[in-house]
Every structure is written in C-alpha cells, then in structure tokens.
Amino acid sequence: MRILVALLALCAFTFAQSVASVTPECASPGDRILIDGEDFGEEPTVTIGGTSVEVIRHTATKILVEIPEDLAAGEATVDVDGATISMEVLEANAPLVLHQSASTATAGQAIILIGRRLRNATVELRDAEGTAVFMTDLRGRRRAGFFKISDDIATGSYDLVVVGGAEGNPESCARKLEIVAAGDATIDEATPAAQTPGRAIRFHGTDLGPLGLCRVAWTDEDGATLRRIGIANGYNKVYSRVPFQATPGATYSIVITFNDGSTTEAGGEFKYEVGNFAAPMIVSLNPSTGPAGDLVRIAGTGLFAGREIPKVEFTQGDVAVQARVYAGFVALGDRNDNLIVLVPGDLADGDYDVTVTAGDQVSNAEVFTVETPALTVTSMTPTRQSARGPRRPVVIKGSGFGPIADIIFKAPPAVSGANAVFRPIDWKLSVTWDDGQGGDPLEGTILTKNDSRIVVLTPGGWRNPLAVGTYTVRVTRDPGTDSEETVEAGTFTVQ
C-alpha cells in the first residue's frame, strides 16, 4: 500500500502544473498576456491578483488571458490552478513596450520601440538614482516609434522609461539600455553557421550602425562580389540573407557598409563559409487525395535550392508527369518550406508517388491518390425567385464539382521574382434551368465554386428575365475524360 501511495505521489509530482513566464512581464488592465508553462490541462483556472479571468485560448503549455479592467496598479500574482508567478500591473493606458531594437547603444544612436499606446509619448533615460538624464519625444505611431539618443550622454547603464500622454502621464515598465563608447564597426560572428544561399542570416558584432538599411558585400576568393541589402538594429545586429547566387561550400569575405558611410573593414576581416543544400524532404501533402487538376500544398524541408524553381513529379510505374508549381514559401525559423502545385489534369485515377527535385537532389516520395469523387447534390438554396425581382445567387452544395476555377497566388521573389496570377485547369461544369417544354435548357452563370459548393446566378437578366414557371435545375460535370455526368439539384420556381 505504501508503495502504491508513493507511486501516485510521484506521478502527481511529475505532471504538476508549472508557470515559467508571462509575456509581457508588465501590462495595463485590459491588455492580453501569454502565460507559458507545462501541463495546464484541459480546463485551466486562472486568477490575476486574486480576480478570476476568462481563458481566451490555451494549450498544454500556453494560456492567453486578459488583465481585469478594475485591477489596481502594482505587483500581482498570476495563478494557474495553484502554480504562480508575479507580474507588474501598470496604470491604466500606460505605454507598453514589447520590443526594443537594441539594448546596447552608442551616443547619437537611434532606437526603435514597438508596443502599444506609444503615440504622443516621451522617452526618459534614468540613472541609478532614478534621475532623468535624457528626455525626448518618441516619434512615430501608436504601435511603433523611434528616438535618437543625445550625442553627449555619458556611458553607463540606464533605465529606459516611456511616459504616456494620457491623463496622469502613466509610465511603462523600465527596460535596460547600456550606453558604450563608440568604436570601429566589427563583425564577431554570423548565425546560423553554414547557411545556404537565399536563406536569412544574422551578423553579430559591435558598432554595427547607425540604425536602418545597409549594404552587405560578399567577396569570394577570386575577387567576385555579390551584394545584398541588410537592416542594422543600430549597434550589435545586422539582418540580411545569403545571396542567391552564392556558391554552396564557398568562403566569402563580408564587408558591411552603413548609411553614414562607415564600414566593418576597420574592425578586421570576417569570413563566412556558405552551407551546402541538404536533400529535400517531403513532410506532408495537403490534401493527399483529390481529383486531377486540384491544388496540393507540399510541406517539407530543403524544397528550394537557390533561385531554381523546384521540380515536382507525379510518378506511376515508369511514367513520370511534371506538375506545375504555382507558388512557394521559404521557411522562416523552424517552419517547413511550402510548395503549391497543380495535380496534372490528365492523370487517371490511382496512386502516384510525388517527389520534389531541388538542385540535383531528389526528395523522398509521398503518395497522392488521384480520385474523381462522385457527383452529388445535397442542397440548393434558394429554390424560388420573383419574376420582377433581380436575379439571385443560388448556392448548390454537394461533392465532385471539380477543383477551384480561379485562384490567385502571390509568389514570393524567392520563387519567381514577381507577382504572378495563375489559373488552374477547370473542369467543364454547367448549371442549367429546364422548363420541361422541350426547348434548350438555360445556363446559369457560375460565380465561384470549389469541390463541394457552387454559387451560380440564375439565367436571364433585367431585359429577359426567367419566365414564370417551375424549372428543373441540373448540374453537369465533364472532367474531359469522356465521362460526362449530370445530376438534378432540385426544382426552382419563378412566380
């Protein structure tokens, strides 16, 4: 019995809830905060400062809540089913700083602040005694602004406080800003190491400024130079990309030129070895089943190799058919690359191996099942209209209506270099109204459709409206394989 009790206690300890952090660490009543932790369960109960709050969204590790409107300013305890953490509640309408472009700067440098309620605010730098040694207006908008540090400010550590323009001049919580002596711009390292062409890269160092756009020159061992644009945070970071034309495995000397004419050459030479492309890997197909002519999203890693558009093939036996790539999205951070492709319109029903070729490397194969769904209609609304009134859109629901007729994708420069409009293969689909008098049925105008829904305008118009009577509405599908099908959607009355 004691052993059982001990095991139960151990399990309870192992899976106990815990709160690791609150983001942001200080906020005003009415602001939303994100609570990070572990094992929050299916229905967590949250209180802030002893007041119960509604859980807006949550997972096992994150909870989104709103600070109660009537909560007083000061330190408050955030409680999630007994697991607690402290946060600071600001005065109502206090400025909230969520991001600071640099925490280390030199005199004369510009700093960008991103947050909430920043319009008409003032920035103060306060010393260890709390005395404001520098004060200036924050220029910008409600959610973003910037200020320039005084040229004659002394080096040292300061509290950066934003004072709002609302009644009572409420203050943000203090953030740290270290002022250091100016020196030569120097690159210390670049992350990630061995980044591949076209991917994002970050240079770290000192005096990498001033804030704003800069030019990054990549010079190979033969003296050829490639150039990219970068963004400097003003002191210790520059954000850029490895040039698309860079040679995988080659080593380049990096020189950054800032908008005041200064460069990193005085700080010494910095070299970077470009990484080699890994073999592409398909993680998923969405959907993995659909008709020929449908659109499929391929998610995976390494689906791009520089500027070259990847090749996607659908293979069955010894026959491989190349699919058209409509759009591609290069991964940011730990996300997957994405390709949007059109299933070739002439594929017969069956299973096909889908592969992606990036550069000279071929991915693993994932199965896509080409399947022409049965043509069915489950509902049609409305089923009547007035003979004197305007034409009304009719919504028909069912299945097997074919892929989307017109889709517009905005292809990023990494894929095509320009915005492009693409129109997938459209099955021949028609919706007709038959009055049963032996004449030719009248065809409606399809406005939009997907595989399960059609929006169609009734035939006729102001000058030639549908005559009073009862019509049989039919949907006809011709996927171009000599297998035309027609189903009745129902009756439509004009009165």
Protein backbone atom coordinates (compact mmCIF):
# COMPACT_ATOMS: atom_id res chain seq x y z
CA MET A 1 0.00 0.00 0.00
CA ARG A 2 2.82 2.41 0.88
CA ILE A 3 4.48 1.67 -2.45
CA LEU A 4 1.23 2.45 -4.31
CA VAL A 5 0.78 5.74 -2.43
CA ALA A 6 4.41 6.66 -3.18
CA LEU A 7 3.92 5.93 -6.89
CA LEU A 8 0.76 8.03 -7.01
CA ALA A 9 2.57 10.90 -5.28
CA LEU A 10 5.45 10.61 -7.74
CA CYS A 11 3.04 10.75 -10.71
CA ALA A 12 1.30 13.78 -9.21
CA PHE A 13 4.65 15.49 -8.78
CA THR A 14 5.83 14.59 -12.26
CA PHE A 15 2.76 16.00 -14.02
CA ALA A 16 2.16 19.02 -11.73
CA GLN A 17 1.42 22.30 -13.45
CA SER A 18 4.11 24.96 -13.52
CA VAL A 19 4.29 28.54 -14.79
CA ALA A 20 7.59 29.59 -16.37
CA SER A 21 6.93 33.11 -17.63
CA VAL A 22 4.40 35.80 -18.51
CA THR A 23 4.69 37.87 -21.70
CA PRO A 24 4.78 40.80 -21.42
CA GLU A 25 6.05 40.91 -17.85
CA CYS A 26 4.13 44.13 -17.18
CA ALA A 27 0.92 45.40 -18.76
CA SER A 28 -2.13 47.56 -18.11
CA PRO A 29 -5.69 46.45 -17.28
CA GLY A 30 -7.38 45.30 -20.48
CA ASP A 31 -4.12 44.11 -22.07
CA ARG A 32 -3.70 40.47 -23.02
CA ILE A 33 -0.84 38.40 -21.63
CA LEU A 34 0.54 35.00 -22.61
CA ILE A 35 1.32 32.56 -19.81
CA ASP A 36 3.96 29.90 -20.60
CA GLY A 37 4.34 26.73 -18.57
CA GLU A 38 3.68 23.00 -18.52
CA ASP A 39 0.76 20.60 -18.05
CA PHE A 40 -2.02 23.20 -17.95
CA GLY A 41 -4.68 20.56 -18.55
CA GLU A 42 -7.91 20.77 -20.50
CA GLU A 43 -9.72 23.43 -18.41
CA PRO A 44 -7.19 25.58 -16.52
CA THR A 45 -8.44 28.12 -13.98
CA VAL A 46 -6.58 31.44 -13.92
CA THR A 47 -6.65 34.33 -11.46
CA ILE A 48 -4.69 37.60 -11.61
CA GLY A 49 -4.32 39.49 -8.37
CA GLY A 50 -6.99 37.25 -6.87
CA THR A 51 -9.52 38.04 -9.62
CA SER A 52 -10.74 35.17 -11.79
CA VAL A 53 -10.22 35.76 -15.51
CA GLU A 54 -11.58 34.08 -18.62
CA VAL A 55 -9.21 31.85 -20.60
CA ILE A 56 -9.35 33.14 -24.18
CA ARG A 57 -7.25 30.35 -25.71
CA HIS A 58 -4.98 27.71 -24.30
CA THR A 59 -2.83 24.66 -24.99
CA ALA A 60 -0.99 22.36 -22.62
CA THR A 61 1.86 24.90 -22.41
CA LYS A 62 0.33 28.32 -23.20
CA ILE A 63 -2.64 30.31 -21.92
CA LEU A 64 -3.92 33.63 -23.30
CA VAL A 65 -5.86 35.81 -20.84
CA GLU A 66 -6.77 39.46 -20.32
CA ILE A 67 -5.85 41.53 -17.27
CA PRO A 68 -9.04 42.56 -15.40
CA GLU A 69 -10.13 46.13 -16.09
CA ASP A 70 -10.52 47.01 -12.41
CA LEU A 71 -7.18 45.62 -11.22
CA ALA A 72 -5.08 48.15 -9.29
CA ALA A 73 -1.55 49.02 -10.38
CA GLY A 74 1.30 47.23 -8.65
CA GLU A 75 2.65 43.71 -8.27
CA ALA A 76 0.09 40.97 -8.92
CA THR A 77 0.19 37.20 -8.70
CA VAL A 78 -0.80 35.14 -11.74
CA ASP A 79 -2.21 31.81 -10.55
CA VAL A 80 -2.89 28.80 -12.77
CA ASP A 81 -4.51 26.09 -10.64
CA GLY A 82 -2.05 26.77 -7.82
CA ALA A 83 1.07 27.39 -9.93
CA THR A 84 2.02 31.06 -9.56
CA ILE A 85 4.27 33.78 -10.93
CA SER A 86 4.45 37.52 -10.28
CA MET A 87 3.94 40.33 -12.79
CA GLU A 88 3.64 44.11 -12.63
CA VAL A 89 0.31 45.73 -13.43
CA LEU A 90 0.73 49.23 -14.87
CA GLU A 91 -1.59 52.20 -14.56
CA ALA A 92 -4.49 52.30 -17.00
CA ASN A 93 -3.47 53.45 -20.50
CA ALA A 94 0.25 53.22 -19.71
CA PRO A 95 2.57 52.77 -22.70
CA LEU A 96 3.60 49.17 -23.26
CA VAL A 97 6.97 48.36 -24.86
CA LEU A 98 7.07 44.89 -26.38
CA HIS A 99 10.30 45.18 -28.38
CA GLN A 100 13.39 47.40 -28.24
CA SER A 101 15.63 47.37 -31.32
CA ALA A 102 18.86 47.39 -29.26
CA SER A 103 19.73 47.08 -25.57
CA THR A 104 23.30 48.35 -26.13
CA ALA A 105 23.96 51.60 -27.98
CA THR A 106 26.37 54.46 -28.51
CA ALA A 107 25.71 58.17 -28.11
CA GLY A 108 23.75 59.58 -31.05
CA GLN A 109 22.20 56.25 -31.98
CA ALA A 110 18.51 55.81 -32.88
CA ILE A 111 16.38 53.22 -31.08
CA ILE A 112 13.07 51.76 -32.33
CA LEU A 113 10.35 50.79 -29.85
CA ILE A 114 7.38 48.57 -30.74
CA GLY A 115 4.42 48.18 -28.44
CA ARG A 116 1.07 49.76 -27.60
CA ARG A 117 -0.14 53.26 -26.77
CA LEU A 118 3.13 54.89 -27.87
CA ARG A 119 1.64 57.89 -29.68
CA ASN A 120 2.48 61.29 -28.12
CA ALA A 121 4.76 59.59 -25.59
CA THR A 122 8.05 60.80 -24.12
CA VAL A 123 11.19 58.71 -23.59
CA GLU A 124 13.34 59.14 -20.50
CA LEU A 125 16.73 57.61 -19.67
CA ARG A 126 17.17 57.44 -15.90
CA ASP A 127 20.35 56.80 -13.94
CA ALA A 128 20.78 54.52 -10.92
CA GLU A 129 19.25 57.17 -8.62
CA GLY A 130 16.14 57.42 -10.81
CA THR A 131 17.04 60.87 -12.17
CA ALA A 132 16.12 61.52 -15.79
CA VAL A 133 19.39 62.44 -17.55
CA PHE A 134 17.89 62.47 -21.03
CA MET A 135 14.36 63.17 -22.27
CA THR A 136 12.92 63.35 -25.79
CA ASP A 137 9.68 62.84 -27.71
CA LEU A 138 9.01 59.43 -29.21
CA ARG A 139 8.30 59.95 -32.90
CA GLY A 140 6.01 57.52 -34.67
CA ARG A 141 2.61 55.94 -34.30
CA ARG A 142 0.54 54.19 -31.69
CA ARG A 143 2.32 50.85 -32.06
CA ALA A 144 5.82 51.90 -33.13
CA GLY A 145 8.14 54.84 -32.66
CA PHE A 146 11.80 55.85 -32.51
CA PHE A 147 14.04 58.31 -30.74
CA LYS A 148 17.65 59.40 -31.04
CA ILE A 149 19.97 59.30 -28.04
CA SER A 150 21.78 62.52 -27.17
CA ASP A 151 25.28 62.89 -28.62
CA ASP A 152 26.72 63.95 -25.25
CA ILE A 153 25.21 61.31 -22.97
CA ALA A 154 27.71 59.58 -20.69
CA THR A 155 28.45 55.88 -20.96
CA GLY A 156 26.75 53.65 -18.40
CA SER A 157 23.60 51.68 -17.64
CA TYR A 158 20.21 53.42 -17.79
CA ASP A 159 16.55 52.60 -17.28
CA LEU A 160 14.52 53.37 -20.40
CA VAL A 161 11.01 54.52 -19.44
CA VAL A 162 8.23 55.67 -21.77
CA VAL A 163 5.84 58.24 -20.31
CA GLY A 164 2.44 58.32 -21.98
CA GLY A 165 0.45 61.36 -22.98
CA ALA A 166 -2.74 60.15 -21.28
CA GLU A 167 -4.19 61.74 -18.12
CA GLY A 168 -1.75 61.36 -15.25
CA ASN A 169 1.20 60.61 -17.58
CA PRO A 170 1.29 56.86 -16.86
CA GLU A 171 4.67 55.16 -17.30
CA SER A 172 5.78 51.95 -18.94
CA CYS A 173 7.85 49.46 -17.04
CA ALA A 174 11.59 50.17 -17.19
CA ARG A 175 13.81 48.49 -19.76
CA LYS A 176 17.62 48.43 -19.67
CA LEU A 177 19.79 50.39 -22.11
CA GLU A 178 23.58 50.26 -21.93
CA ILE A 179 25.45 53.23 -23.44
CA VAL A 180 29.00 52.35 -24.54
CA ALA A 181 31.83 54.23 -26.18
CA ALA A 182 31.86 54.28 -29.98
CA GLY A 183 34.48 52.22 -31.78
CA ASP A 184 35.16 50.50 -35.08
CA ALA A 185 32.31 48.55 -36.62
CA THR A 186 33.20 44.89 -36.15
CA ILE A 187 31.56 41.59 -37.12
CA ASP A 188 32.19 38.94 -34.47
CA GLU A 189 30.07 36.07 -35.81
CA ALA A 190 27.19 35.16 -38.11
CA THR A 191 24.30 32.85 -37.31
CA PRO A 192 23.35 30.29 -38.31
CA ALA A 193 26.64 28.77 -39.38
CA ALA A 194 26.85 27.36 -42.92
CA GLN A 195 23.60 28.97 -44.06
CA THR A 196 22.54 28.13 -47.63
CA PRO A 197 22.00 30.63 -50.50
CA GLY A 198 18.78 32.63 -50.25
CA ARG A 199 18.27 31.99 -46.53
CA ALA A 200 18.20 34.52 -43.70
CA ILE A 201 21.39 35.27 -41.82
CA ARG A 202 22.20 37.48 -38.83
CA PHE A 203 25.56 39.23 -38.24
CA HIS A 204 26.55 39.96 -34.64
CA GLY A 205 29.19 42.44 -33.51
CA THR A 206 29.76 45.93 -32.15
CA ASP A 207 29.09 49.40 -33.57
CA LEU A 208 27.03 47.89 -36.40
CA GLY A 209 25.17 51.08 -37.16
CA PRO A 210 23.60 53.51 -37.49
CA LEU A 211 20.07 52.10 -37.47
CA GLY A 212 18.49 51.40 -40.85
CA LEU A 213 19.32 49.92 -44.22
CA CYS A 214 22.89 48.93 -45.03
CA ARG A 215 24.77 47.14 -47.83
CA VAL A 216 26.40 43.72 -47.37
CA ALA A 217 29.15 42.78 -49.82
CA TRP A 218 30.14 39.10 -50.25
CA THR A 219 33.51 38.70 -51.99
CA ASP A 220 34.76 35.24 -52.96
CA GLU A 221 38.38 34.06 -53.16
CA ASP A 222 38.57 35.09 -56.83
CA GLY A 223 37.55 38.68 -56.06
CA ALA A 224 33.99 38.48 -57.45
CA THR A 225 31.50 40.37 -55.26
CA LEU A 226 27.82 39.74 -54.61
CA ARG A 227 25.71 42.37 -52.85
CA ARG A 228 22.68 42.20 -50.59
CA ILE A 229 20.67 44.67 -48.56
CA GLY A 230 20.73 44.39 -44.77
CA ILE A 231 18.95 46.03 -41.84
CA ALA A 232 21.05 47.21 -38.88
CA ASN A 233 19.50 47.45 -35.42
CA GLY A 234 21.92 50.27 -34.68
CA TYR A 235 24.60 48.55 -32.63
CA ASN A 236 25.06 44.77 -32.44
CA LYS A 237 22.98 43.07 -35.18
CA VAL A 238 22.51 43.20 -38.94
CA TYR A 239 19.76 41.14 -40.57
CA SER A 240 20.24 40.01 -44.17
CA ARG A 241 20.27 36.97 -46.47
CA VAL A 242 22.94 34.89 -48.14
CA PRO A 243 22.93 35.93 -51.82
CA PHE A 244 21.02 33.55 -54.08
CA GLN A 245 24.00 33.46 -56.44
CA ALA A 246 26.43 32.40 -53.71
CA THR A 247 28.22 29.10 -54.33
CA PRO A 248 27.41 26.42 -51.74
CA GLY A 249 30.56 25.46 -49.84
CA ALA A 250 32.47 28.57 -50.91
CA THR A 251 34.06 31.02 -48.43
CA TYR A 252 33.32 34.75 -48.67
CA SER A 253 34.75 37.87 -47.06
CA ILE A 254 31.95 40.02 -45.64
CA VAL A 255 32.01 43.83 -45.57
CA ILE A 256 29.00 45.82 -44.34
CA THR A 257 28.61 49.48 -45.34
CA PHE A 258 26.22 51.62 -43.28
CA ASN A 259 24.21 54.65 -44.34
CA ASP A 260 26.68 57.08 -42.74
CA GLY A 261 29.50 55.71 -44.92
CA SER A 262 31.21 53.68 -42.18
CA THR A 263 32.18 50.06 -42.87
CA THR A 264 33.29 46.96 -40.99
CA GLU A 265 36.65 46.89 -42.77
CA ALA A 266 38.32 48.84 -39.94
CA GLY A 267 37.23 46.16 -37.46
CA GLY A 268 39.09 43.41 -39.30
CA GLU A 269 38.29 40.78 -41.92
CA PHE A 270 35.33 38.47 -41.40
CA LYS A 271 34.90 35.31 -43.45
CA TYR A 272 31.87 33.08 -43.82
CA GLU A 273 31.51 29.64 -45.42
CA VAL A 274 28.20 29.13 -47.23
CA GLY A 275 26.44 25.85 -46.49
CA ASN A 276 25.56 23.11 -48.94
CA PHE A 277 21.93 22.35 -49.72
CA ALA A 278 20.52 19.36 -47.87
CA ALA A 279 18.45 16.81 -49.78
CA PRO A 280 14.80 17.89 -49.96
CA MET A 281 12.34 16.01 -47.78
CA ILE A 282 8.55 15.97 -48.07
CA VAL A 283 6.81 16.01 -44.69
CA SER A 284 3.18 16.12 -45.83
CA LEU A 285 0.76 16.57 -48.73
CA ASN A 286 -2.41 18.53 -48.10
CA PRO A 287 -4.71 17.16 -49.32
CA SER A 288 -3.32 13.72 -50.06
CA THR A 289 -6.37 12.73 -52.12
CA GLY A 290 -8.20 14.69 -54.79
CA PRO A 291 -9.16 14.98 -58.44
CA ALA A 292 -6.79 15.73 -61.31
CA GLY A 293 -6.45 19.48 -61.64
CA ASP A 294 -6.70 20.07 -57.90
CA LEU A 295 -4.23 22.13 -55.86
CA VAL A 296 -1.91 20.46 -53.37
CA ARG A 297 0.29 22.02 -50.71
CA ILE A 298 3.62 20.23 -50.22
CA ALA A 299 5.31 20.91 -46.88
CA GLY A 300 8.85 19.84 -46.13
CA THR A 301 12.47 20.83 -45.67
CA GLY A 302 15.06 21.83 -48.27
CA LEU A 303 12.46 22.20 -51.04
CA PHE A 304 14.39 25.12 -52.58
CA ALA A 305 17.94 25.33 -53.90
CA GLY A 306 18.78 28.97 -54.58
CA ARG A 307 16.75 30.69 -57.30
CA GLU A 308 16.00 27.49 -59.17
CA ILE A 309 12.31 26.58 -59.21
CA PRO A 310 11.94 23.07 -57.77
CA LYS A 311 10.58 20.31 -59.99
CA VAL A 312 7.60 18.29 -58.76
CA GLU A 313 6.72 14.98 -60.41
CA PHE A 314 3.79 12.56 -60.11
CA THR A 315 5.04 9.06 -60.94
CA GLN A 316 3.14 5.84 -61.53
CA GLY A 317 5.24 2.90 -62.64
CA ASP A 318 7.68 4.06 -65.32
CA VAL A 319 5.69 7.16 -66.25
CA ALA A 320 6.51 10.48 -64.56
CA VAL A 321 4.43 13.62 -65.18
CA GLN A 322 5.76 17.01 -64.10
CA ALA A 323 3.38 19.23 -62.15
CA ARG A 324 3.22 22.99 -62.42
CA VAL A 325 4.48 24.88 -59.37
CA TYR A 326 2.25 27.86 -58.64
CA ALA A 327 3.80 29.30 -55.50
CA GLY A 328 6.50 28.62 -52.97
CA PHE A 329 7.14 29.84 -49.45
CA VAL A 330 10.64 29.57 -48.00
CA ALA A 331 10.68 28.54 -44.34
CA LEU A 332 11.17 31.10 -41.59
CA GLY A 333 12.73 29.76 -38.41
CA ASP A 334 11.75 26.18 -37.68
CA ARG A 335 8.79 26.09 -40.03
CA ASN A 336 8.55 23.96 -43.16
CA ASP A 337 9.09 25.11 -46.73
CA ASN A 338 5.87 25.03 -48.77
CA LEU A 339 5.09 24.46 -52.43
CA ILE A 340 1.66 24.80 -54.00
CA VAL A 341 1.32 22.69 -57.14
CA LEU A 342 -1.38 21.65 -59.56
CA VAL A 343 -2.10 17.94 -59.92
CA PRO A 344 -1.62 17.33 -63.67
CA GLY A 345 -5.02 17.48 -65.33
CA ASP A 346 -4.55 14.38 -67.49
CA LEU A 347 -3.83 11.90 -64.69
CA ALA A 348 -6.13 8.92 -64.41
CA ASP A 349 -7.46 7.83 -61.04
CA GLY A 350 -4.89 5.92 -58.98
CA ASP A 351 -1.92 6.25 -56.62
CA TYR A 352 1.09 8.37 -57.61
CA ASP A 353 4.48 8.90 -55.97
CA VAL A 354 5.13 12.62 -55.52
CA THR A 355 8.76 13.79 -55.43
CA VAL A 356 10.48 17.18 -55.33
CA THR A 357 13.80 17.81 -57.10
CA ALA A 358 15.76 20.80 -55.74
CA GLY A 359 19.07 21.42 -57.44
CA ASP A 360 20.38 17.97 -58.30
CA GLN A 361 18.83 16.17 -55.30
CA VAL A 362 15.55 14.27 -55.20
CA SER A 363 13.31 14.01 -52.16
CA ASN A 364 11.56 11.04 -50.64
CA ALA A 365 8.27 10.00 -52.25
CA GLU A 366 4.84 10.60 -50.71
CA VAL A 367 1.70 9.05 -52.18
CA PHE A 368 -1.07 11.18 -53.67
CA THR A 369 -4.27 9.43 -54.70
CA VAL A 370 -5.98 10.85 -57.76
CA GLU A 371 -9.65 10.17 -57.21
CA THR A 372 -12.61 11.61 -59.06
CA PRO A 373 -15.34 11.97 -56.45
CA ALA A 374 -18.93 11.10 -57.26
CA LEU A 375 -21.08 13.99 -58.47
CA THR A 376 -23.78 14.59 -55.86
CA VAL A 377 -26.06 17.45 -54.79
CA THR A 378 -27.27 17.65 -51.21
CA SER A 379 -28.98 21.05 -51.18
CA MET A 380 -29.93 24.11 -53.21
CA THR A 381 -30.93 27.49 -51.78
CA PRO A 382 -32.96 29.49 -52.56
CA THR A 383 -35.45 27.49 -54.60
CA ARG A 384 -37.60 30.38 -55.83
CA GLN A 385 -37.48 33.99 -57.00
CA SER A 386 -39.82 36.72 -58.16
CA ALA A 387 -40.30 37.27 -61.88
CA ARG A 388 -39.94 41.02 -61.36
CA GLY A 389 -37.09 40.99 -58.87
CA PRO A 390 -33.34 40.85 -59.56
CA ARG A 391 -31.53 37.62 -60.22
CA ARG A 392 -30.48 35.90 -57.02
CA PRO A 393 -27.31 33.87 -56.43
CA VAL A 394 -28.16 30.22 -55.87
CA VAL A 395 -25.92 28.12 -53.63
CA ILE A 396 -25.66 24.44 -54.52
CA LYS A 397 -23.86 22.10 -52.12
CA GLY A 398 -22.67 18.57 -52.73
CA SER A 399 -19.47 16.93 -53.98
CA GLY A 400 -17.49 16.28 -57.12
CA PHE A 401 -17.82 19.78 -58.61
CA GLY A 402 -14.11 19.78 -59.50
CA PRO A 403 -11.13 21.89 -58.42
CA ILE A 404 -11.31 25.63 -57.82
CA ALA A 405 -11.69 27.50 -61.09
CA ASP A 406 -9.77 30.70 -60.40
CA ILE A 407 -7.13 31.10 -57.70
CA ILE A 408 -4.66 33.94 -57.36
CA PHE A 409 -1.37 33.37 -55.59
CA LYS A 410 1.25 35.94 -54.79
CA ALA A 411 4.54 34.20 -55.48
CA PRO A 412 7.46 35.46 -53.37
CA PRO A 413 10.63 36.71 -55.08
CA ALA A 414 12.44 33.56 -53.89
CA VAL A 415 10.39 31.58 -56.41
CA SER A 416 9.52 33.71 -59.40
CA GLY A 417 10.90 37.19 -58.81
CA ALA A 418 7.48 38.76 -59.41
CA ASN A 419 3.84 38.55 -58.52
CA ALA A 420 2.02 36.12 -60.75
CA VAL A 421 -1.59 35.21 -61.46
CA PHE A 422 -2.24 31.54 -62.12
CA ARG A 423 -5.39 29.80 -63.30
CA PRO A 424 -5.61 26.08 -62.58
CA ILE A 425 -7.25 23.66 -65.01
CA ASP A 426 -11.01 23.94 -64.65
CA TRP A 427 -13.36 21.09 -65.31
CA LYS A 428 -16.28 21.88 -67.59
CA LEU A 429 -19.11 22.43 -65.16
CA SER A 430 -22.52 23.83 -66.03
CA VAL A 431 -25.74 24.51 -64.14
CA THR A 432 -28.91 24.61 -66.26
CA TRP A 433 -32.58 25.53 -65.79
CA ASP A 434 -35.04 23.34 -67.81
CA ASP A 435 -38.69 24.39 -68.07
CA GLY A 436 -39.72 20.96 -69.39
CA GLN A 437 -41.23 22.43 -72.60
CA GLY A 438 -38.77 20.74 -74.93
CA GLY A 439 -36.55 23.75 -75.59
CA ASP A 440 -32.85 24.04 -74.83
CA PRO A 441 -32.11 24.44 -71.09
CA LEU A 442 -30.93 27.87 -69.99
CA GLU A 443 -27.46 28.01 -68.45
CA GLY A 444 -26.71 29.96 -65.29
CA THR A 445 -23.52 31.93 -64.63
CA ILE A 446 -21.16 30.28 -62.13
CA LEU A 447 -19.68 32.96 -59.87
CA THR A 448 -17.48 30.82 -57.61
CA LYS A 449 -17.05 27.17 -56.84
CA ASN A 450 -14.97 24.54 -55.16
CA ASP A 451 -15.35 20.77 -54.99
CA SER A 452 -18.33 20.94 -52.61
CA ARG A 453 -20.04 24.28 -53.32
CA ILE A 454 -21.24 26.27 -56.33
CA VAL A 455 -22.55 29.84 -56.33
CA VAL A 456 -24.44 30.48 -59.56
CA LEU A 457 -26.66 33.27 -60.93
CA THR A 458 -29.95 32.22 -62.47
CA PRO A 459 -30.26 32.68 -66.25
CA GLY A 460 -31.75 35.79 -67.76
CA GLY A 461 -31.50 39.40 -66.69
CA TRP A 462 -33.44 42.63 -66.43
CA ARG A 463 -34.45 42.61 -70.09
CA ASN A 464 -35.06 38.88 -70.44
CA PRO A 465 -35.95 37.51 -67.01
CA LEU A 466 -36.85 33.89 -66.42
CA ALA A 467 -40.48 33.32 -67.28
CA VAL A 468 -42.93 32.38 -64.56
CA GLY A 469 -42.94 28.64 -64.05
CA THR A 470 -41.18 25.69 -62.48
CA TYR A 471 -37.72 24.63 -63.65
CA THR A 472 -35.62 21.56 -63.09
CA VAL A 473 -32.06 22.55 -62.14
CA ARG A 474 -29.28 20.20 -63.21
CA VAL A 475 -25.54 20.16 -62.62
CA THR A 476 -23.40 18.67 -65.40
CA ARG A 477 -19.74 17.78 -64.97
CA ASP A 478 -17.31 16.98 -67.79
CA PRO A 479 -13.78 16.33 -66.46
CA GLY A 480 -12.54 15.78 -70.00
CA THR A 481 -12.35 12.00 -69.75
CA ASP A 482 -15.47 11.09 -71.77
CA SER A 483 -17.37 10.59 -68.54
CA GLU A 484 -19.89 13.43 -68.51
CA GLU A 485 -22.30 13.20 -65.61
CA THR A 486 -25.50 15.06 -64.76
CA VAL A 487 -27.44 15.17 -61.51
CA GLU A 488 -30.60 17.04 -60.56
CA ALA A 489 -30.22 19.72 -57.93
CA GLY A 490 -33.97 20.21 -57.46
CA THR A 491 -36.80 22.41 -58.71
CA PHE A 492 -36.71 26.19 -58.94
CA THR A 493 -39.89 28.26 -59.05
CA VAL A 494 -40.31 31.71 -60.64
CA GLN A 495 -43.52 33.39 -59.50
